[in-house]
Amino acid sequence: MKIQSVKYLTREGFRNVWVNRLMSIASIGVLVACMVLIGFAILITENVNVYMNNLEQQNVVMVYFNDKNSVIYQDASQLSTTSDTSSDSSSSKSSSTSSKDDKSEVPAIPDDAYLIHNEEEAKAVCAEIEKLDNVKKPVEFISSEQALENAKGTALQDMAGAFEILDEEGGNPMSHGARVTLISMEKFDQTVESIKKVTGVHSVVSHGDLAKTIADIKSGISMICFWIIGILGVIALVIVSNTIRVTMYNRKLEISIMKAVGATDAFVRLPFVIEGVVLGLFSAILSEAILYFCYRVAAEAMGTSFTLSVPFSEKALLLFGIFAAIGIVAGALGSAFMISKYLKKEGSEFKAL
């Protein structure tokens, strides 16, 4: 096709938009509504993902090692029962001992009853945990002394004395441990089970329900966004197709004359394709402006109660690219489909006469 013909057909496409301006305005309005809804779905998804990622980073798994304290304090009820039995069987003997000896009495635990005997062995377990998939490096080692200080710092004021008594009279009851951060909540359960299987690990304290909730929310939001984009994309395609159909039937006689004098299908089709693309691109530009204004108003209205984490400027180019793609694809496919269908079934009726 000659360049001159392309220029002529391009002008015809723009002229079609103006000649059928009422239908064009209606189509642009529907397309803009679809694109703005798609844009909001994308922005909401991005904001939710940011918040979910922040929760993932803050959610940690506490791992406690199999050291002496884990054996001594692993079952307080058994220790209490043992203590009561011992006191009943040796009441006469205990009356002759001092109160200080009673408080400081600790069961004798053989070295082979536990696996971690010092900090070096505990840090070696941390290194093994780091090798697991879905574990963020480095794994933070927490000594028993640091764990006790942390417990004192977070305890209520009237509970701090209890920790001091434990530390001074009963010894430090805390075990060596580690703070482990997971990379993805989707593999939470598998990672926790892998950590439990590491030699030297006594127990794992985690928030499995929170992890499952986070994974479900992210999956649900992504699925909703996918269906919104898909459904609204189909609506945009239908709207453009109907607009082109109106234009096509308004020019029915002209198309038949063009076919009668030997015009090719491509020559007849191009103005309608250009008309659809123009409607799509104009809708994309208008949608970007409206979405920016609405997003800015929403951010100001929320204030400090709920901050939108994703600035519009970060996603502006991506959104316009998506809008333009939707407009161009919907316009080109809708117009090409409708005019091809017409040319195949009815376009030669004037020629037959």
Protein backbone atom coordinates (compact mmCIF):
# COMPACT_ATOMS: atom_id res chain seq x y z
CA MET A 1 0.00 0.00 0.00
CA LYS A 2 1.34 3.43 -0.98
CA ILE A 3 2.25 6.05 1.60
CA GLN A 4 -0.28 8.42 0.09
CA SER A 5 -3.01 5.84 0.57
CA VAL A 6 -1.96 5.29 4.20
CA LYS A 7 -2.17 9.03 4.87
CA TYR A 8 -5.61 9.21 3.30
CA LEU A 9 -6.91 6.24 5.26
CA THR A 10 -5.44 7.63 8.51
CA ARG A 11 -7.29 10.91 7.95
CA GLU A 12 -10.44 8.92 7.28
CA GLY A 13 -10.01 7.11 10.59
CA PHE A 14 -9.74 10.39 12.52
CA ARG A 15 -12.68 11.79 10.54
CA ASN A 16 -14.80 8.81 11.52
CA VAL A 17 -14.23 9.62 15.18
CA TRP A 18 -15.50 13.17 14.66
CA VAL A 19 -18.39 12.31 12.34
CA ASN A 20 -19.71 9.74 14.86
CA ARG A 21 -18.75 11.90 17.83
CA LEU A 22 -21.77 11.03 19.98
CA MET A 23 -21.06 7.33 19.75
CA SER A 24 -17.33 8.03 20.16
CA ILE A 25 -17.96 9.99 23.36
CA ALA A 26 -20.13 7.17 24.72
CA SER A 27 -17.44 4.62 23.87
CA ILE A 28 -14.70 6.73 25.42
CA GLY A 29 -16.78 7.13 28.56
CA VAL A 30 -17.23 3.39 28.98
CA LEU A 31 -13.58 2.69 28.14
CA VAL A 32 -12.42 5.29 30.67
CA ALA A 33 -14.63 3.75 33.36
CA CYS A 34 -13.18 0.30 32.63
CA MET A 35 -9.59 1.56 32.62
CA VAL A 36 -10.00 3.56 35.84
CA LEU A 37 -11.42 0.50 37.58
CA ILE A 38 -8.54 -1.59 36.27
CA GLY A 39 -6.09 1.06 37.48
CA PHE A 40 -7.63 1.11 40.95
CA ALA A 41 -7.48 -2.68 41.10
CA ILE A 42 -3.77 -2.60 40.23
CA LEU A 43 -2.98 0.17 42.74
CA ILE A 44 -4.93 -1.53 45.52
CA THR A 45 -3.11 -4.79 44.79
CA GLU A 46 0.27 -3.03 44.89
CA ASN A 47 -0.54 -1.35 48.22
CA VAL A 48 -1.78 -4.60 49.75
CA ASN A 49 1.36 -6.41 48.58
CA VAL A 50 3.54 -3.74 50.22
CA TYR A 51 1.71 -4.12 53.53
CA MET A 52 1.82 -7.91 53.31
CA ASN A 53 5.54 -7.84 52.53
CA ASN A 54 6.12 -5.62 55.57
CA LEU A 55 4.25 -8.11 57.72
CA GLU A 56 6.31 -10.94 56.28
CA GLN A 57 9.52 -9.14 57.15
CA GLN A 58 8.35 -8.43 60.69
CA ASN A 59 7.12 -11.96 61.31
CA VAL A 60 9.93 -14.09 62.70
CA VAL A 61 10.25 -17.64 63.92
CA MET A 62 11.89 -18.13 67.30
CA VAL A 63 14.04 -21.27 67.49
CA TYR A 64 15.22 -22.68 70.83
CA PHE A 65 18.11 -25.11 71.07
CA ASN A 66 18.46 -28.42 72.88
CA ASP A 67 20.73 -27.26 75.72
CA LYS A 68 20.76 -27.99 79.45
CA ASN A 69 18.00 -25.52 80.30
CA SER A 70 15.70 -26.98 77.64
CA VAL A 71 15.97 -30.34 79.40
CA ILE A 72 15.50 -28.93 82.90
CA TYR A 73 12.53 -26.71 82.08
CA GLN A 74 10.95 -28.61 79.20
CA ASP A 75 8.04 -29.84 81.33
CA ALA A 76 7.26 -27.69 84.34
CA SER A 77 4.38 -29.94 85.43
CA GLN A 78 6.67 -32.97 85.65
CA LEU A 79 9.25 -30.97 87.57
CA SER A 80 6.52 -29.81 89.96
CA THR A 81 5.29 -33.39 90.47
CA THR A 82 8.82 -34.65 90.97
CA SER A 83 9.49 -31.88 93.45
CA ASP A 84 6.33 -32.67 95.42
CA THR A 85 7.15 -36.40 95.56
CA SER A 86 10.70 -35.72 96.64
CA SER A 87 9.56 -33.36 99.38
CA ASP A 88 7.07 -35.96 100.75
CA SER A 89 9.62 -38.79 100.82
CA SER A 90 12.35 -36.71 102.42
CA SER A 91 10.46 -34.34 104.72
CA SER A 92 12.63 -35.16 107.70
CA LYS A 93 15.78 -34.58 105.72
CA SER A 94 14.64 -31.30 104.24
CA SER A 95 13.87 -29.87 107.66
CA SER A 96 17.58 -29.99 108.54
CA THR A 97 18.74 -28.17 105.41
CA SER A 98 18.81 -24.45 104.86
CA SER A 99 16.20 -22.58 102.82
CA LYS A 100 18.89 -21.36 100.46
CA ASP A 101 19.87 -24.92 99.52
CA ASP A 102 16.21 -25.76 98.82
CA LYS A 103 15.88 -22.85 96.39
CA SER A 104 19.07 -23.55 94.55
CA GLU A 105 18.62 -27.30 94.18
CA VAL A 106 18.75 -28.21 90.48
CA PRO A 107 18.40 -31.75 89.09
CA ALA A 108 21.64 -33.27 87.92
CA ILE A 109 21.59 -33.59 84.13
CA PRO A 110 24.24 -35.67 82.34
CA ASP A 111 26.03 -34.03 79.42
CA ASP A 112 24.76 -36.60 76.94
CA ALA A 113 21.13 -35.68 77.72
CA TYR A 114 21.35 -32.59 75.51
CA LEU A 115 23.19 -31.64 72.32
CA ILE A 116 24.20 -27.98 72.76
CA HIS A 117 26.82 -27.41 75.45
CA ASN A 118 28.18 -23.97 74.58
CA GLU A 119 27.67 -20.94 72.34
CA GLU A 120 29.96 -22.25 69.61
CA GLU A 121 27.78 -25.31 69.12
CA ALA A 122 24.65 -23.12 69.17
CA LYS A 123 26.11 -20.84 66.49
CA ALA A 124 26.91 -23.91 64.41
CA VAL A 125 23.21 -24.80 64.49
CA CYS A 126 22.41 -21.26 63.28
CA ALA A 127 24.75 -21.85 60.34
CA GLU A 128 22.86 -25.06 59.49
CA ILE A 129 19.52 -23.22 59.61
CA GLU A 130 20.90 -20.58 57.23
CA LYS A 131 21.43 -23.29 54.62
CA LEU A 132 17.69 -24.03 54.43
CA ASP A 133 15.55 -22.69 51.61
CA ASN A 134 13.24 -19.75 52.39
CA VAL A 135 15.42 -18.60 55.31
CA LYS A 136 16.69 -15.04 55.19
CA LYS A 137 20.36 -14.64 56.04
CA PRO A 138 21.84 -14.03 58.53
CA VAL A 139 20.10 -15.99 61.27
CA GLU A 140 20.36 -13.96 64.48
CA PHE A 141 21.85 -15.93 67.37
CA ILE A 142 20.43 -15.11 70.82
CA SER A 143 22.41 -16.30 73.82
CA SER A 144 20.68 -17.38 77.03
CA GLU A 145 21.97 -14.23 78.76
CA GLN A 146 20.61 -11.99 76.01
CA ALA A 147 17.30 -13.87 76.09
CA LEU A 148 16.97 -13.25 79.83
CA GLU A 149 17.73 -9.54 79.39
CA ASN A 150 15.15 -9.33 76.61
CA ALA A 151 12.59 -11.02 78.85
CA LYS A 152 13.31 -8.56 81.66
CA GLY A 153 12.99 -5.63 79.27
CA THR A 154 9.64 -6.72 77.89
CA ALA A 155 8.12 -7.92 81.19
CA LEU A 156 5.71 -5.83 83.20
CA GLN A 157 7.21 -3.83 86.05
CA ASP A 158 5.79 -6.07 88.78
CA MET A 159 7.08 -9.17 86.93
CA ALA A 160 10.69 -7.98 86.64
CA GLY A 161 11.42 -9.14 90.20
CA ALA A 162 10.56 -12.72 89.32
CA PHE A 163 13.24 -12.76 86.60
CA GLU A 164 15.77 -11.32 89.04
CA ILE A 165 15.02 -14.10 91.55
CA LEU A 166 15.43 -16.72 88.82
CA ASP A 167 18.71 -15.18 87.73
CA GLU A 168 20.18 -14.80 91.21
CA GLU A 169 18.90 -17.88 93.06
CA GLY A 170 17.75 -20.42 90.51
CA GLY A 171 20.15 -19.56 87.68
CA ASN A 172 19.31 -18.38 84.18
CA PRO A 173 16.40 -20.54 82.88
CA MET A 174 16.67 -19.32 79.29
CA SER A 175 18.00 -21.51 76.49
CA HIS A 176 20.19 -20.43 73.61
CA GLY A 177 18.10 -19.63 70.56
CA ALA A 178 17.86 -17.87 67.23
CA ARG A 179 15.57 -15.41 65.49
CA VAL A 180 14.83 -16.67 61.98
CA THR A 181 13.14 -14.54 59.31
CA LEU A 182 11.38 -16.30 56.46
CA ILE A 183 11.52 -15.05 52.88
CA SER A 184 8.08 -16.19 51.75
CA MET A 185 5.02 -17.00 53.84
CA GLU A 186 3.75 -19.39 51.16
CA LYS A 187 6.37 -21.94 52.27
CA PHE A 188 5.91 -21.23 55.97
CA ASP A 189 4.85 -24.68 57.17
CA GLN A 190 7.46 -26.51 55.10
CA THR A 191 10.23 -24.23 56.38
CA VAL A 192 9.19 -24.64 60.03
CA GLU A 193 9.21 -28.43 59.63
CA SER A 194 12.68 -28.26 58.05
CA ILE A 195 13.96 -26.14 60.96
CA LYS A 196 12.59 -28.63 63.49
CA LYS A 197 14.57 -31.41 61.78
CA VAL A 198 17.90 -29.60 62.20
CA THR A 199 20.07 -31.38 64.78
CA GLY A 200 20.24 -29.33 67.97
CA VAL A 201 16.85 -27.66 67.65
CA HIS A 202 14.57 -28.26 70.63
CA SER A 203 11.46 -26.26 69.71
CA VAL A 204 10.13 -23.65 67.29
CA VAL A 205 7.71 -20.88 68.27
CA SER A 206 5.87 -19.45 65.28
CA HIS A 207 2.69 -17.71 64.21
CA GLY A 208 1.40 -20.20 61.67
CA ASP A 209 -2.09 -18.71 61.55
CA LEU A 210 -0.71 -15.28 60.67
CA ALA A 211 1.42 -16.76 57.91
CA LYS A 212 -1.56 -18.60 56.42
CA THR A 213 -3.71 -15.47 56.62
CA ILE A 214 -1.06 -13.37 54.85
CA ALA A 215 -0.65 -15.94 52.08
CA ASP A 216 -4.43 -16.24 51.63
CA ILE A 217 -4.90 -12.46 51.44
CA LYS A 218 -2.16 -12.05 48.84
CA SER A 219 -3.51 -14.91 46.76
CA GLY A 220 -7.09 -13.63 47.02
CA ILE A 221 -6.20 -10.06 46.07
CA SER A 222 -4.16 -11.24 43.07
CA MET A 223 -7.01 -13.46 41.87
CA ILE A 224 -9.58 -10.66 42.23
CA CYS A 225 -7.33 -8.25 40.33
CA PHE A 226 -6.84 -10.81 37.55
CA TRP A 227 -10.58 -11.33 37.09
CA ILE A 228 -11.32 -7.59 37.21
CA ILE A 229 -8.77 -6.89 34.49
CA GLY A 230 -10.03 -9.81 32.40
CA ILE A 231 -13.73 -8.92 32.65
CA LEU A 232 -13.23 -5.20 32.08
CA GLY A 233 -10.90 -5.96 29.16
CA VAL A 234 -13.65 -7.98 27.50
CA ILE A 235 -16.13 -5.15 28.14
CA ALA A 236 -13.74 -2.67 26.51
CA LEU A 237 -13.42 -4.94 23.49
CA VAL A 238 -17.20 -5.22 23.13
CA ILE A 239 -17.72 -1.45 23.47
CA VAL A 240 -15.18 -0.63 20.77
CA SER A 241 -16.66 -3.32 18.52
CA ASN A 242 -20.13 -1.82 18.86
CA THR A 243 -18.82 1.67 18.08
CA ILE A 244 -17.13 0.41 14.94
CA ARG A 245 -20.29 -1.46 13.99
CA VAL A 246 -22.30 1.79 14.10
CA THR A 247 -19.70 3.57 11.99
CA MET A 248 -19.57 0.66 9.60
CA TYR A 249 -23.32 0.60 8.99
CA ASN A 250 -23.40 4.37 8.58
CA ARG A 251 -20.88 3.93 5.75
CA LYS A 252 -22.42 0.75 4.36
CA LEU A 253 -23.06 2.20 0.92
CA GLU A 254 -19.62 3.76 0.73
CA ILE A 255 -17.95 0.47 1.62
CA SER A 256 -19.95 -1.38 -1.05
CA ILE A 257 -18.95 1.17 -3.70
CA MET A 258 -15.28 0.86 -2.67
CA LYS A 259 -15.48 -2.91 -2.97
CA ALA A 260 -17.26 -2.60 -6.34
CA VAL A 261 -14.43 -0.53 -7.81
CA GLY A 262 -11.80 -3.03 -6.62
CA ALA A 263 -10.70 -1.80 -3.17
CA THR A 264 -8.94 -4.48 -1.13
CA ASP A 265 -10.16 -5.60 2.27
CA ALA A 266 -7.08 -4.03 3.90
CA PHE A 267 -7.87 -0.68 2.23
CA VAL A 268 -11.42 -0.77 3.57
CA ARG A 269 -10.45 -2.06 7.00
CA LEU A 270 -7.63 0.37 7.90
CA PRO A 271 -9.75 3.51 8.65
CA PHE A 272 -11.90 1.53 11.08
CA VAL A 273 -8.83 0.05 12.80
CA ILE A 274 -7.36 3.54 13.14
CA GLU A 275 -10.67 4.79 14.55
CA GLY A 276 -10.63 2.05 17.21
CA VAL A 277 -6.99 2.74 18.11
CA VAL A 278 -7.66 6.49 18.41
CA LEU A 279 -10.59 5.84 20.75
CA GLY A 280 -8.42 3.53 22.84
CA LEU A 281 -5.45 5.91 23.10
CA PHE A 282 -7.61 8.92 23.94
CA SER A 283 -9.35 6.85 26.61
CA ALA A 284 -5.94 5.83 28.02
CA ILE A 285 -4.79 9.45 28.35
CA LEU A 286 -8.05 10.52 29.98
CA SER A 287 -8.03 7.50 32.31
CA GLU A 288 -4.48 8.28 33.48
CA ALA A 289 -5.47 11.86 34.37
CA ILE A 290 -8.66 10.84 36.18
CA LEU A 291 -6.90 8.05 38.10
CA TYR A 292 -4.13 10.41 39.22
CA PHE A 293 -6.67 12.92 40.52
CA CYS A 294 -8.76 10.27 42.31
CA TYR A 295 -5.70 8.57 43.84
CA ARG A 296 -4.39 11.90 45.11
CA VAL A 297 -7.77 12.79 46.64
CA ALA A 298 -8.00 9.35 48.27
CA ALA A 299 -4.50 9.69 49.75
CA GLU A 300 -5.31 13.12 51.21
CA ALA A 301 -8.67 11.96 52.57
CA MET A 302 -7.13 9.00 54.38
CA GLY A 303 -4.47 11.18 55.98
CA THR A 304 -2.40 9.44 58.65
CA SER A 305 -5.05 6.83 59.51
CA PHE A 306 -4.14 4.68 56.49
CA THR A 307 -1.19 5.72 54.38
CA LEU A 308 -0.99 4.62 50.75
CA SER A 309 2.46 3.10 50.50
CA VAL A 310 2.79 3.19 46.71
CA PRO A 311 3.21 6.70 45.21
CA PHE A 312 1.31 7.20 41.97
CA SER A 313 4.47 8.43 40.25
CA GLU A 314 6.07 4.99 40.67
CA LYS A 315 3.26 3.28 38.76
CA ALA A 316 2.24 6.10 36.37
CA LEU A 317 4.25 4.82 33.41
CA LEU A 318 3.20 1.22 34.02
CA LEU A 319 -0.47 2.19 34.26
CA PHE A 320 -0.35 4.25 31.09
CA GLY A 321 1.33 1.39 29.29
CA ILE A 322 -1.42 -0.98 30.44
CA PHE A 323 -4.15 1.51 29.47
CA ALA A 324 -2.58 2.13 26.07
CA ALA A 325 -2.20 -1.60 25.48
CA ILE A 326 -5.83 -2.21 26.42
CA GLY A 327 -6.97 0.66 24.19
CA ILE A 328 -4.86 -0.33 21.21
CA VAL A 329 -5.63 -4.05 21.46
CA ALA A 330 -9.35 -3.51 22.09
CA GLY A 331 -9.57 -0.92 19.33
CA ALA A 332 -7.59 -2.85 16.76
CA LEU A 333 -9.12 -6.26 17.48
CA GLY A 334 -12.67 -4.95 17.88
CA SER A 335 -12.62 -2.93 14.68
CA ALA A 336 -10.76 -5.56 12.67
CA PHE A 337 -13.16 -8.26 13.79
CA MET A 338 -16.30 -6.29 13.01
CA ILE A 339 -15.22 -4.99 9.61
CA SER A 340 -13.87 -8.41 8.59
CA LYS A 341 -17.14 -10.00 9.55
CA TYR A 342 -19.07 -7.41 7.57
CA LEU A 343 -16.86 -7.69 4.49
CA LYS A 344 -17.21 -11.46 4.53
CA LYS A 345 -21.01 -11.57 4.80
CA GLU A 346 -22.47 -8.33 3.53
CA GLY A 347 -19.81 -6.15 2.02
CA SER A 348 -20.40 -7.26 -1.54
CA GLU A 349 -24.17 -6.83 -1.68
CA PHE A 350 -23.90 -3.61 -3.72
CA LYS A 351 -21.57 -5.33 -6.12
CA ALA A 352 -24.08 -8.11 -6.59
CA LEU A 353 -26.70 -5.61 -7.63
